[in-house]
Amino acid sequence: MKTGIQKTAEILEQVHQLESTLGLKNEACRSKFLIHPDFRSKVFLFLHGFTAGPYQFEPLGKAFFNMGYNVLTPLQPGHGRSGDWRHQNPPPLPTDIKIYQEFVIKWLQIAKTLGQEVVIGGLSTGGTLAAWLALEHPEQIDCTLLFTPYLGSRYSLFDLLIKILPIYFEWFNKDAPGNFGYKGFRLKALRIFLELGYQVLEKAQGCVSAPILMVCSEADHAVSRSKQQDFFRRVLKQQPKSWYYCFDDSLQIEHRMMTKLEDNDYEELIITLAKAFVESDLTWVEFEQMAKRITQGQAHDQIMRELNFDRQVSQQLSAMMTQAFGCEHLKCINPNS
């Protein structure tokens, strides 16, 4: 096994060398690999969002690395490249979804050399790719963390425009703090993810997925929460070990929810949810029952003992199920609301 890890370490070093040769927009876009010197019980493969980079998963990746796991967050094809990108010279983002699909399959195989169980996660279009992978190869994946996956825009008009317009588009928040990626893109580079989102929704209707944690936010004005909820309900029919959690609008957690540098002042809540899901074997029904017991005032220690959560996660989950965090009447875990 040590020989296999050494070979993988060489592959990861080659990735960094290639990124340096091609030239990166900045160091935040470089692939992030947090690797222990030996094979571990779990390895995490994280997929960043559209036009962004691996920096989005740095806090969550460090949290799992500190728990003793290996973590891979590769830079996706065409992303993070240095250059004078603008309308006349758009960034080199792929316009064929097969390029991304081959990319994530390749990294799934690399991940398997570093851990007994593979956990995949993704934000936005990275979440779309992770959802596709969870449906295509559920037998190879222990569980999946979907952070506001892009399955369609919040407003249907935007989907129509993405389908038909051949234009270059700049993000409205292109100069926002923490935006280390591209400021704009050709719409056809995003169109392929919209089409993949439709395919993922359809496939979830009758296929078993790897267990899924769906995390969304009422304050997310970029993507369709109703489609996220629809996807979760379809997955749940085939895969009972799946959870749903939606942040209340009052927390103002927007689409870029992974870090404080971007839109989330409650970064630690993302980490808490992910830890609890990965470390637990609770079904959706059991998770609902746990939430109800929390709202009924049962002690942290009792829940911790019975559900095998560590003290910190138990206390943080308890806090997240309260009205103070906008979870009145447990609407935060209601995928039908």
Foldseek 3Di string as FASTA:
>chain_A
DLVLVVVLVVVLVVQQVVCVVQAFLDPLQAKDWLADSAAEAEEEEEEEDPQAHQNLCVVLQVVVVVVPYIYTYHRAPQKGGDDDADFVRHGPFDLDCVSRLVVVVVVLVSRVSRHVAYEYEYAALRLLSQLVCQQVCVVRHQEYEYEHYALAWQDNVVLVCLVPPQGKDFDPCLVAFPGSGDRIHGSSSVNVSNVSSVVSLVSLQPTAGNAYEYEEEPLERTHHLLSSLSSVVSNCVRAQLYFYFYFYVVQNQYRSRQDPRGGHPPNVLSSLVVVPSVVFRDGHVRVVVLLVVLVVPDDLVVSCVVGVNDSVSSVSVSVCSDVVRVCVVNVRRPSVD
